[in-house]
PDB file of N, CA and C in Angstrom:
ATOM      1  N   UNK A   1      16.466 127.432 -52.362  1.00  0.00           N
ATOM      2  CA  UNK A   1      15.297 128.196 -52.731  1.00  0.00           C
ATOM      3  C   UNK A   1      15.515 129.650 -52.329  1.00  0.00           C
ATOM      4  N   UNK A   2      15.177 130.561 -53.219  1.00  0.00           N
ATOM      5  CA  UNK A   2      15.318 131.990 -52.977  1.00  0.00           C
ATOM      6  C   UNK A   2      14.208 132.459 -52.047  1.00  0.00           C
ATOM      7  N   UNK A   3      14.543 132.977 -50.898  1.00  0.00           N
ATOM      8  CA  UNK A   3      13.562 133.374 -49.882  1.00  0.00           C
ATOM      9  C   UNK A   3      12.774 134.618 -50.283  1.00  0.00           C
ATOM     10  N   UNK A   4      13.362 135.491 -51.097  1.00  0.00           N
ATOM     11  CA  UNK A   4      12.694 136.749 -51.410  1.00  0.00           C
ATOM     12  C   UNK A   4      11.610 136.612 -52.464  1.00  0.00           C
ATOM     13  N   UNK A   5      11.769 135.690 -53.394  1.00  0.00           N
ATOM     14  CA  UNK A   5      10.812 135.533 -54.481  1.00  0.00           C
ATOM     15  C   UNK A   5      10.316 134.095 -54.529  1.00  0.00           C
ATOM     16  N   UNK A   6       9.203 133.843 -53.901  1.00  0.00           N
ATOM     17  CA  UNK A   6       8.600 132.511 -53.895  1.00  0.00           C
ATOM     18  C   UNK A   6       7.682 132.433 -55.092  1.00  0.00           C
ATOM     19  N   UNK A   7       7.902 131.471 -55.967  1.00  0.00           N
ATOM     20  CA  UNK A   7       7.176 131.397 -57.227  1.00  0.00           C
ATOM     21  C   UNK A   7       6.312 130.151 -57.292  1.00  0.00           C
ATOM     22  N   UNK A   8       5.418 130.140 -58.284  1.00  0.00           N
ATOM     23  CA  UNK A   8       4.573 128.964 -58.506  1.00  0.00           C
ATOM     24  C   UNK A   8       5.447 127.733 -58.744  1.00  0.00           C
ATOM     25  N   UNK A   9       6.560 127.915 -59.396  1.00  0.00           N
ATOM     26  CA  UNK A   9       7.474 126.811 -59.690  1.00  0.00           C
ATOM     27  C   UNK A   9       7.977 126.173 -58.396  1.00  0.00           C
ATOM     28  N   UNK A  10       8.224 126.977 -57.369  1.00  0.00           N
ATOM     29  CA  UNK A  10       8.680 126.443 -56.084  1.00  0.00           C
ATOM     30  C   UNK A  10       7.623 125.542 -55.460  1.00  0.00           C
ATOM     31  N   UNK A  11       6.367 125.953 -55.531  1.00  0.00           N
ATOM     32  CA  UNK A  11       5.280 125.142 -54.983  1.00  0.00           C
ATOM     33  C   UNK A  11       5.125 123.870 -55.797  1.00  0.00           C
ATOM     34  N   UNK A  12       5.218 123.997 -57.107  1.00  0.00           N
ATOM     35  CA  UNK A  12       5.109 122.842 -57.994  1.00  0.00           C
ATOM     36  C   UNK A  12       6.218 121.830 -57.692  1.00  0.00           C
ATOM     37  N   UNK A  13       7.438 122.310 -57.526  1.00  0.00           N
ATOM     38  CA  UNK A  13       8.568 121.426 -57.199  1.00  0.00           C
ATOM     39  C   UNK A  13       8.347 120.725 -55.862  1.00  0.00           C
ATOM     40  N   UNK A  14       7.818 121.455 -54.887  1.00  0.00           N
ATOM     41  CA  UNK A  14       7.530 120.871 -53.581  1.00  0.00           C
ATOM     42  C   UNK A  14       6.517 119.737 -53.708  1.00  0.00           C
ATOM     43  N   UNK A  15       5.438 119.990 -54.456  1.00  0.00           N
ATOM     44  CA  UNK A  15       4.414 118.965 -54.644  1.00  0.00           C
ATOM     45  C   UNK A  15       4.976 117.736 -55.366  1.00  0.00           C
ATOM     46  N   UNK A  16       5.882 117.963 -56.285  1.00  0.00           N
ATOM     47  CA  UNK A  16       6.500 116.840 -57.012  1.00  0.00           C
ATOM     48  C   UNK A  16       7.389 116.009 -56.089  1.00  0.00           C
ATOM     49  N   UNK A  17       8.231 116.681 -55.326  1.00  0.00           N
ATOM     50  CA  UNK A  17       9.207 115.973 -54.479  1.00  0.00           C
ATOM     51  C   UNK A  17       8.577 115.348 -53.241  1.00  0.00           C
ATOM     52  N   UNK A  18       7.765 116.111 -52.536  1.00  0.00           N
ATOM     53  CA  UNK A  18       7.232 115.644 -51.251  1.00  0.00           C
ATOM     54  C   UNK A  18       5.987 114.778 -51.379  1.00  0.00           C
ATOM     55  N   UNK A  19       5.151 115.064 -52.367  1.00  0.00           N
ATOM     56  CA  UNK A  19       3.880 114.349 -52.489  1.00  0.00           C
ATOM     57  C   UNK A  19       3.864 113.346 -53.631  1.00  0.00           C
ATOM     58  N   UNK A  20       4.863 113.409 -54.516  1.00  0.00           N
ATOM     59  CA  UNK A  20       4.962 112.433 -55.592  1.00  0.00           C
ATOM     60  C   UNK A  20       4.079 112.715 -56.788  1.00  0.00           C
ATOM     61  N   UNK A  21       3.566 113.942 -56.918  1.00  0.00           N
ATOM     62  CA  UNK A  21       2.738 114.286 -58.067  1.00  0.00           C
ATOM     63  C   UNK A  21       3.628 114.537 -59.285  1.00  0.00           C
ATOM     64  N   UNK A  22       3.069 114.361 -60.478  1.00  0.00           N
ATOM     65  CA  UNK A  22       3.814 114.688 -61.689  1.00  0.00           C
ATOM     66  C   UNK A  22       3.892 116.214 -61.799  1.00  0.00           C
ATOM     67  N   UNK A  23       4.866 116.708 -62.543  1.00  0.00           N
ATOM     68  CA  UNK A  23       5.054 118.148 -62.692  1.00  0.00           C
ATOM     69  C   UNK A  23       3.842 118.791 -63.352  1.00  0.00           C
ATOM     70  N   UNK A  24       3.272 118.123 -64.338  1.00  0.00           N
ATOM     71  CA  UNK A  24       2.112 118.660 -65.041  1.00  0.00           C
ATOM     72  C   UNK A  24       0.893 118.738 -64.119  1.00  0.00           C
ATOM     73  N   UNK A  25       0.686 117.701 -63.313  1.00  0.00           N
ATOM     74  CA  UNK A  25      -0.443 117.681 -62.383  1.00  0.00           C
ATOM     75  C   UNK A  25      -0.273 118.750 -61.295  1.00  0.00           C
ATOM     76  N   UNK A  26       0.937 118.898 -60.772  1.00  0.00           N
ATOM     77  CA  UNK A  26       1.205 119.909 -59.740  1.00  0.00           C
ATOM     78  C   UNK A  26       0.957 121.310 -60.289  1.00  0.00           C
ATOM     79  N   UNK A  27       1.396 121.553 -61.525  1.00  0.00           N
ATOM     80  CA  UNK A  27       1.193 122.859 -62.149  1.00  0.00           C
ATOM     81  C   UNK A  27      -0.305 123.132 -62.328  1.00  0.00           C
ATOM     82  N   UNK A  28      -1.064 122.110 -62.716  1.00  0.00           N
ATOM     83  CA  UNK A  28      -2.513 122.250 -62.900  1.00  0.00           C
ATOM     84  C   UNK A  28      -3.201 122.561 -61.570  1.00  0.00           C
ATOM     85  N   UNK A  29      -2.784 121.908 -60.497  1.00  0.00           N
ATOM     86  CA  UNK A  29      -3.350 122.174 -59.166  1.00  0.00           C
ATOM     87  C   UNK A  29      -3.147 123.643 -58.786  1.00  0.00           C
ATOM     88  N   UNK A  30      -1.944 124.132 -58.975  1.00  0.00           N
ATOM     89  CA  UNK A  30      -1.612 125.507 -58.589  1.00  0.00           C
ATOM     90  C   UNK A  30      -2.411 126.504 -59.432  1.00  0.00           C
ATOM     91  N   UNK A  31      -2.464 126.282 -60.739  1.00  0.00           N
ATOM     92  CA  UNK A  31      -3.209 127.195 -61.611  1.00  0.00           C
ATOM     93  C   UNK A  31      -4.695 127.187 -61.286  1.00  0.00           C
ATOM     94  N   UNK A  32      -5.250 126.015 -60.988  1.00  0.00           N
ATOM     95  CA  UNK A  32      -6.669 125.935 -60.604  1.00  0.00           C
ATOM     96  C   UNK A  32      -6.925 126.658 -59.287  1.00  0.00           C
ATOM     97  N   UNK A  33      -6.017 126.501 -58.329  1.00  0.00           N
ATOM     98  CA  UNK A  33      -6.155 127.182 -57.043  1.00  0.00           C
ATOM     99  C   UNK A  33      -6.135 128.700 -57.226  1.00  0.00           C
ATOM    100  N   UNK A  34      -5.231 129.196 -58.036  1.00  0.00           N
ATOM    101  CA  UNK A  34      -5.139 130.637 -58.278  1.00  0.00           C
ATOM    102  C   UNK A  34      -6.403 131.144 -58.972  1.00  0.00           C
ATOM    103  N   UNK A  35      -6.917 130.376 -59.914  1.00  0.00           N
ATOM    104  CA  UNK A  35      -8.146 130.764 -60.605  1.00  0.00           C
ATOM    105  C   UNK A  35      -9.329 130.825 -59.631  1.00  0.00           C
ATOM    106  N   UNK A  36      -9.439 129.822 -58.759  1.00  0.00           N
ATOM    107  CA  UNK A  36     -10.519 129.808 -57.766  1.00  0.00           C
ATOM    108  C   UNK A  36     -10.397 131.002 -56.826  1.00  0.00           C
ATOM    109  N   UNK A  37      -9.191 131.257 -56.326  1.00  0.00           N
ATOM    110  CA  UNK A  37      -8.984 132.384 -55.411  1.00  0.00           C
ATOM    111  C   UNK A  37      -9.342 133.707 -56.069  1.00  0.00           C
ATOM    112  N   UNK A  38      -8.854 133.936 -57.282  1.00  0.00           N
ATOM    113  CA  UNK A  38      -9.113 135.219 -57.936  1.00  0.00           C
ATOM    114  C   UNK A  38     -10.600 135.402 -58.234  1.00  0.00           C
ATOM    115  N   UNK A  39     -11.300 134.332 -58.607  1.00  0.00           N
ATOM    116  CA  UNK A  39     -12.737 134.418 -58.869  1.00  0.00           C
ATOM    117  C   UNK A  39     -13.503 134.741 -57.597  1.00  0.00           C
ATOM    118  N   UNK A  40     -13.195 134.043 -56.519  1.00  0.00           N
ATOM    119  CA  UNK A  40     -13.919 134.246 -55.259  1.00  0.00           C
ATOM    120  C   UNK A  40     -13.599 135.590 -54.624  1.00  0.00           C
ATOM    121  N   UNK A  41     -12.349 136.025 -54.708  1.00  0.00           N
ATOM    122  CA  UNK A  41     -11.962 137.310 -54.127  1.00  0.00           C
ATOM    123  C   UNK A  41     -12.636 138.451 -54.867  1.00  0.00           C
ATOM    124  N   UNK A  42     -12.776 138.333 -56.193  1.00  0.00           N
ATOM    125  CA  UNK A  42     -13.386 139.417 -56.961  1.00  0.00           C
ATOM    126  C   UNK A  42     -14.876 139.584 -56.629  1.00  0.00           C
ATOM    127  N   UNK A  43     -15.524 138.538 -56.133  1.00  0.00           N
ATOM    128  CA  UNK A  43     -16.941 138.622 -55.764  1.00  0.00           C
ATOM    129  C   UNK A  43     -17.129 139.399 -54.464  1.00  0.00           C
ATOM    130  N   UNK A  44     -16.342 139.076 -53.451  1.00  0.00           N
ATOM    131  CA  UNK A  44     -16.509 139.674 -52.129  1.00  0.00           C
ATOM    132  C   UNK A  44     -15.303 139.270 -51.285  1.00  0.00           C
ATOM    133  N   UNK A  45     -15.310 139.641 -50.020  1.00  0.00           N
ATOM    134  CA  UNK A  45     -14.254 139.199 -49.115  1.00  0.00           C
ATOM    135  C   UNK A  45     -14.224 137.672 -49.109  1.00  0.00           C
ATOM    136  N   UNK A  46     -13.046 137.116 -48.970  1.00  0.00           N
ATOM    137  CA  UNK A  46     -12.897 135.668 -49.066  1.00  0.00           C
ATOM    138  C   UNK A  46     -12.061 135.181 -47.893  1.00  0.00           C
ATOM    139  N   UNK A  47     -12.599 134.226 -47.126  1.00  0.00           N
ATOM    140  CA  UNK A  47     -11.909 133.704 -45.956  1.00  0.00           C
ATOM    141  C   UNK A  47     -11.530 132.248 -46.180  1.00  0.00           C
ATOM    142  N   UNK A  48     -10.260 131.933 -45.948  1.00  0.00           N
ATOM    143  CA  UNK A  48      -9.771 130.561 -45.939  1.00  0.00           C
ATOM    144  C   UNK A  48      -9.576 130.194 -44.474  1.00  0.00           C
ATOM    145  N   UNK A  49     -10.353 129.252 -43.991  1.00  0.00           N
ATOM    146  CA  UNK A  49     -10.303 128.883 -42.579  1.00  0.00           C
ATOM    147  C   UNK A  49      -8.884 128.470 -42.182  1.00  0.00           C
ATOM    148  N   UNK A  50      -8.441 128.967 -41.052  1.00  0.00           N
ATOM    149  CA  UNK A  50      -7.120 128.721 -40.466  1.00  0.00           C
ATOM    150  C   UNK A  50      -5.962 129.266 -41.304  1.00  0.00           C
ATOM    151  N   UNK A  51      -6.276 130.054 -42.336  1.00  0.00           N
ATOM    152  CA  UNK A  51      -5.218 130.682 -43.133  1.00  0.00           C
ATOM    153  C   UNK A  51      -5.344 132.199 -43.063  1.00  0.00           C
ATOM    154  N   UNK A  52      -6.502 132.732 -43.460  1.00  0.00           N
ATOM    155  CA  UNK A  52      -6.679 134.175 -43.383  1.00  0.00           C
ATOM    156  C   UNK A  52      -7.804 134.666 -44.258  1.00  0.00           C
ATOM    157  N   UNK A  53      -7.917 135.994 -44.339  1.00  0.00           N
ATOM    158  CA  UNK A  53      -8.988 136.641 -45.088  1.00  0.00           C
ATOM    159  C   UNK A  53      -8.392 137.579 -46.129  1.00  0.00           C
ATOM    160  N   UNK A  54      -8.920 137.476 -47.352  1.00  0.00           N
ATOM    161  CA  UNK A  54      -8.574 138.406 -48.419  1.00  0.00           C
ATOM    162  C   UNK A  54      -9.704 139.416 -48.514  1.00  0.00           C
ATOM    163  N   UNK A  55      -9.345 140.692 -48.609  1.00  0.00           N
ATOM    164  CA  UNK A  55     -10.354 141.743 -48.633  1.00  0.00           C
ATOM    165  C   UNK A  55      -9.967 142.774 -49.692  1.00  0.00           C
ATOM    166  N   UNK A  56     -10.966 143.270 -50.417  1.00  0.00           N
ATOM    167  CA  UNK A  56     -10.724 144.304 -51.416  1.00  0.00           C
ATOM    168  C   UNK A  56     -11.002 145.659 -50.780  1.00  0.00           C
ATOM    169  N   UNK A  57     -10.029 146.558 -50.867  1.00  0.00           N
ATOM    170  CA  UNK A  57     -10.199 147.927 -50.371  1.00  0.00           C
ATOM    171  C   UNK A  57     -10.360 148.858 -51.563  1.00  0.00           C
ATOM    172  N   UNK A  58     -11.335 149.727 -51.500  1.00  0.00           N
ATOM    173  CA  UNK A  58     -11.512 150.753 -52.523  1.00  0.00           C
ATOM    174  C   UNK A  58     -10.824 152.016 -52.028  1.00  0.00           C
ATOM    175  N   UNK A  59      -9.734 152.378 -52.683  1.00  0.00           N
ATOM    176  CA  UNK A  59      -9.001 153.582 -52.287  1.00  0.00           C
ATOM    177  C   UNK A  59      -9.490 154.764 -53.117  1.00  0.00           C
ATOM    178  N   UNK A  60      -9.695 155.883 -52.453  1.00  0.00           N
ATOM    179  CA  UNK A  60     -10.210 157.072 -53.112  1.00  0.00           C
ATOM    180  C   UNK A  60      -9.085 157.819 -53.831  1.00  0.00           C
ATOM    181  N   UNK A  61      -9.499 158.682 -54.730  1.00  0.00           N
ATOM    182  CA  UNK A  61      -8.544 159.563 -55.403  1.00  0.00           C
ATOM    183  C   UNK A  61      -7.967 160.511 -54.354  1.00  0.00           C
ATOM    184  N   UNK A  62      -6.655 160.776 -54.469  1.00  0.00           N
ATOM    185  CA  UNK A  62      -6.038 161.665 -53.480  1.00  0.00           C
ATOM    186  C   UNK A  62      -4.929 162.481 -54.117  1.00  0.00           C
ATOM    187  N   UNK A  63      -4.461 163.447 -53.379  1.00  0.00           N
ATOM    188  CA  UNK A  63      -3.396 164.327 -53.858  1.00  0.00           C
ATOM    189  C   UNK A  63      -2.049 163.738 -53.450  1.00  0.00           C
ATOM    190  N   UNK A  64      -1.104 163.737 -54.390  1.00  0.00           N
ATOM    191  CA  UNK A  64       0.253 163.307 -54.111  1.00  0.00           C
ATOM    192  C   UNK A  64       1.217 164.411 -54.480  1.00  0.00           C
ATOM    193  N   UNK A  65       2.454 164.315 -54.008  1.00  0.00           N
ATOM    194  CA  UNK A  65       3.468 165.321 -54.306  1.00  0.00           C
ATOM    195  C   UNK A  65       4.775 164.645 -54.682  1.00  0.00           C
ATOM    196  N   UNK A  66       5.437 165.200 -55.689  1.00  0.00           N
ATOM    197  CA  UNK A  66       6.767 164.753 -56.046  1.00  0.00           C
ATOM    198  C   UNK A  66       7.720 165.317 -54.990  1.00  0.00           C
ATOM    199  N   UNK A  67       8.460 164.459 -54.259  1.00  0.00           N
ATOM    200  CA  UNK A  67       9.307 164.966 -53.175  1.00  0.00           C
ATOM    201  C   UNK A  67      10.443 165.876 -53.645  1.00  0.00           C
ATOM    202  N   UNK A  68      10.900 165.706 -54.878  1.00  0.00           N
ATOM    203  CA  UNK A  68      11.998 166.547 -55.369  1.00  0.00           C
ATOM    204  C   UNK A  68      11.507 167.916 -55.819  1.00  0.00           C
ATOM    205  N   UNK A  69      10.477 167.914 -56.667  1.00  0.00           N
ATOM    206  CA  UNK A  69      10.019 169.173 -57.264  1.00  0.00           C
ATOM    207  C   UNK A  69       8.855 169.803 -56.513  1.00  0.00           C
ATOM    208  N   UNK A  70       8.281 169.088 -55.575  1.00  0.00           N
ATOM    209  CA  UNK A  70       7.102 169.527 -54.811  1.00  0.00           C
ATOM    210  C   UNK A  70       5.881 169.739 -55.710  1.00  0.00           C
ATOM    211  N   UNK A  71       5.925 169.179 -56.916  1.00  0.00           N
ATOM    212  CA  UNK A  71       4.809 169.297 -57.843  1.00  0.00           C
ATOM    213  C   UNK A  71       3.640 168.440 -57.353  1.00  0.00           C
ATOM    214  N   UNK A  72       2.446 168.997 -57.389  1.00  0.00           N
ATOM    215  CA  UNK A  72       1.245 168.299 -56.930  1.00  0.00           C
ATOM    216  C   UNK A  72       0.607 167.572 -58.105  1.00  0.00           C
ATOM    217  N   UNK A  73       0.164 166.342 -57.856  1.00  0.00           N
ATOM    218  CA  UNK A  73      -0.560 165.568 -58.869  1.00  0.00           C
ATOM    219  C   UNK A  73      -1.593 164.701 -58.165  1.00  0.00           C
ATOM    220  N   UNK A  74      -2.531 164.165 -58.937  1.00  0.00           N
ATOM    221  CA  UNK A  74      -3.583 163.343 -58.365  1.00  0.00           C
ATOM    222  C   UNK A  74      -3.271 161.858 -58.565  1.00  0.00           C
ATOM    223  N   UNK A  75      -3.456 161.095 -57.494  1.00  0.00           N
ATOM    224  CA  UNK A  75      -3.319 159.644 -57.551  1.00  0.00           C
ATOM    225  C   UNK A  75      -4.716 159.093 -57.810  1.00  0.00           C
ATOM    226  N   UNK A  76      -4.850 158.264 -58.843  1.00  0.00           N
ATOM    227  CA  UNK A  76      -6.162 157.755 -59.248  1.00  0.00           C
ATOM    228  C   UNK A  76      -6.785 156.864 -58.176  1.00  0.00           C
ATOM    229  N   UNK A  77      -8.112 156.803 -58.187  1.00  0.00           N
ATOM    230  CA  UNK A  77      -8.834 155.862 -57.326  1.00  0.00           C
ATOM    231  C   UNK A  77      -8.533 154.455 -57.838  1.00  0.00           C
ATOM    232  N   UNK A  78      -8.415 153.513 -56.924  1.00  0.00           N
ATOM    233  CA  UNK A  78      -8.069 152.147 -57.336  1.00  0.00           C
ATOM    234  C   UNK A  78      -8.536 151.153 -56.287  1.00  0.00           C
ATOM    235  N   UNK A  79      -8.477 149.897 -56.657  1.00  0.00           N
ATOM    236  CA  UNK A  79      -8.783 148.823 -55.721  1.00  0.00           C
ATOM    237  C   UNK A  79      -7.479 148.188 -55.295  1.00  0.00           C
ATOM    238  N   UNK A  80      -7.440 147.769 -54.047  1.00  0.00           N
ATOM    239  CA  UNK A  80      -6.247 147.155 -53.491  1.00  0.00           C
ATOM    240  C   UNK A  80      -6.645 145.889 -52.751  1.00  0.00           C
ATOM    241  N   UNK A  81      -5.807 144.879 -52.804  1.00  0.00           N
ATOM    242  CA  UNK A  81      -6.083 143.616 -52.136  1.00  0.00           C
ATOM    243  C   UNK A  81      -5.288 143.549 -50.837  1.00  0.00           C
ATOM    244  N   UNK A  82      -5.972 143.211 -49.751  1.00  0.00           N
ATOM    245  CA  UNK A  82      -5.356 143.124 -48.428  1.00  0.00           C
ATOM    246  C   UNK A  82      -5.535 141.699 -47.907  1.00  0.00           C
ATOM    247  N   UNK A  83      -4.495 141.163 -47.289  1.00  0.00           N
ATOM    248  CA  UNK A  83      -4.576 139.842 -46.681  1.00  0.00           C
ATOM    249  C   UNK A  83      -4.335 139.977 -45.189  1.00  0.00           C
ATOM    250  N   UNK A  84      -5.258 139.443 -44.391  1.00  0.00           N
ATOM    251  CA  UNK A  84      -5.101 139.440 -42.937  1.00  0.00           C
ATOM    252  C   UNK A  84      -4.991 137.984 -42.501  1.00  0.00           C
ATOM    253  N   UNK A  85      -3.824 137.578 -41.992  1.00  0.00           N
ATOM    254  CA  UNK A  85      -3.652 136.178 -41.586  1.00  0.00           C
ATOM    255  C   UNK A  85      -4.500 135.842 -40.364  1.00  0.00           C
ATOM    256  N   UNK A  86      -4.912 134.581 -40.285  1.00  0.00           N
ATOM    257  CA  UNK A  86      -5.685 134.128 -39.123  1.00  0.00           C
ATOM    258  C   UNK A  86      -4.760 134.047 -37.918  1.00  0.00           C
ATOM    259  N   UNK A  87      -5.345 134.033 -36.739  1.00  0.00           N
ATOM    260  CA  UNK A  87      -4.533 133.933 -35.525  1.00  0.00           C
ATOM    261  C   UNK A  87      -3.795 132.595 -35.495  1.00  0.00           C
ATOM    262  N   UNK A  88      -4.412 131.553 -36.029  1.00  0.00           N
ATOM    263  CA  UNK A  88      -3.782 130.236 -36.085  1.00  0.00           C
ATOM    264  C   UNK A  88      -2.505 130.279 -36.932  1.00  0.00           C
ATOM    265  N   UNK A  89      -2.581 130.912 -38.102  1.00  0.00           N
ATOM    266  CA  UNK A  89      -1.412 131.036 -38.977  1.00  0.00           C
ATOM    267  C   UNK A  89      -0.348 131.915 -38.332  1.00  0.00           C
ATOM    268  N   UNK A  90      -0.769 132.986 -37.676  1.00  0.00           N
ATOM    269  CA  UNK A  90       0.190 133.874 -37.002  1.00  0.00           C
ATOM    270  C   UNK A  90       0.949 133.139 -35.908  1.00  0.00           C
ATOM    271  N   UNK A  91       0.249 132.311 -35.141  1.00  0.00           N
ATOM    272  CA  UNK A  91       0.902 131.538 -34.082  1.00  0.00           C
ATOM    273  C   UNK A  91       1.923 130.570 -34.660  1.00  0.00           C
ATOM    274  N   UNK A  92       1.552 129.899 -35.760  1.00  0.00           N
ATOM    275  CA  UNK A  92       2.476 128.951 -36.395  1.00  0.00           C
ATOM    276  C   UNK A  92       3.716 129.670 -36.922  1.00  0.00           C
ATOM    277  N   UNK A  93       3.515 130.842 -37.519  1.00  0.00           N
ATOM    278  CA  UNK A  93       4.655 131.610 -38.037  1.00  0.00           C
ATOM    279  C   UNK A  93       5.565 132.045 -36.898  1.00  0.00           C
ATOM    280  N   UNK A  94       4.977 132.499 -35.793  1.00  0.00           N
ATOM    281  CA  UNK A  94       5.784 132.939 -34.658  1.00  0.00           C
ATOM    282  C   UNK A  94       6.590 131.783 -34.055  1.00  0.00           C
ATOM    283  N   UNK A  95       5.998 130.599 -33.976  1.00  0.00           N
ATOM    284  CA  UNK A  95       6.722 129.424 -33.469  1.00  0.00           C
ATOM    285  C   UNK A  95       7.885 129.088 -34.392  1.00  0.00           C
ATOM    286  N   UNK A  96       7.644 129.153 -35.702  1.00  0.00           N
ATOM    287  CA  UNK A  96       8.696 128.866 -36.675  1.00  0.00           C
ATOM    288  C   UNK A  96       9.841 129.870 -36.565  1.00  0.00           C
ATOM    289  N   UNK A  97       9.497 131.144 -36.417  1.00  0.00           N
ATOM    290  CA  UNK A  97      10.516 132.201 -36.293  1.00  0.00           C
ATOM    291  C   UNK A  97      11.322 132.012 -35.009  1.00  0.00           C
ATOM    292  N   UNK A  98      10.663 131.651 -33.910  1.00  0.00           N
ATOM    293  CA  UNK A  98      11.368 131.398 -32.650  1.00  0.00           C
ATOM    294  C   UNK A  98      12.349 130.245 -32.795  1.00  0.00           C
ATOM    295  N   UNK A  99      11.955 129.214 -33.552  1.00  0.00           N
ATOM    296  CA  UNK A  99      12.822 128.069 -33.785  1.00  0.00           C
ATOM    297  C   UNK A  99      14.093 128.469 -34.528  1.00  0.00           C
ATOM    298  N   UNK A 100      13.933 129.337 -35.512  1.00  0.00           N
ATOM    299  CA  UNK A 100      15.066 129.769 -36.338  1.00  0.00           C
ATOM    300  C   UNK A 100      16.038 130.604 -35.503  1.00  0.00           C
ATOM    301  N   UNK A 101      15.500 131.500 -34.686  1.00  0.00           N
ATOM    302  CA  UNK A 101      16.347 132.401 -33.895  1.00  0.00           C
ATOM    303  C   UNK A 101      16.817 131.653 -32.698  1.00  0.00           C
TER     304      UNK A 101
END
């Protein structure tokens, strides 16, 4: 498995091999989960217990500069999605990293 690019297909394959689900059912589970997450996140901040919190940040319009030409331009206002992992998830990740090293 490629560590840099984790895809829906990787999760689907995991569900098929480890849990015994059919490929079609695993794909449906993943797509439904993504749909639920995107719907709930778009409404307001969304917390998954023991996993983390998704939050929408409204970034204001600001001035940017081209580093080569020093030309000034405006960066548009936009929304950005931020994920803050729960302390429980952070502890599990740190234990896993310690095991590897």
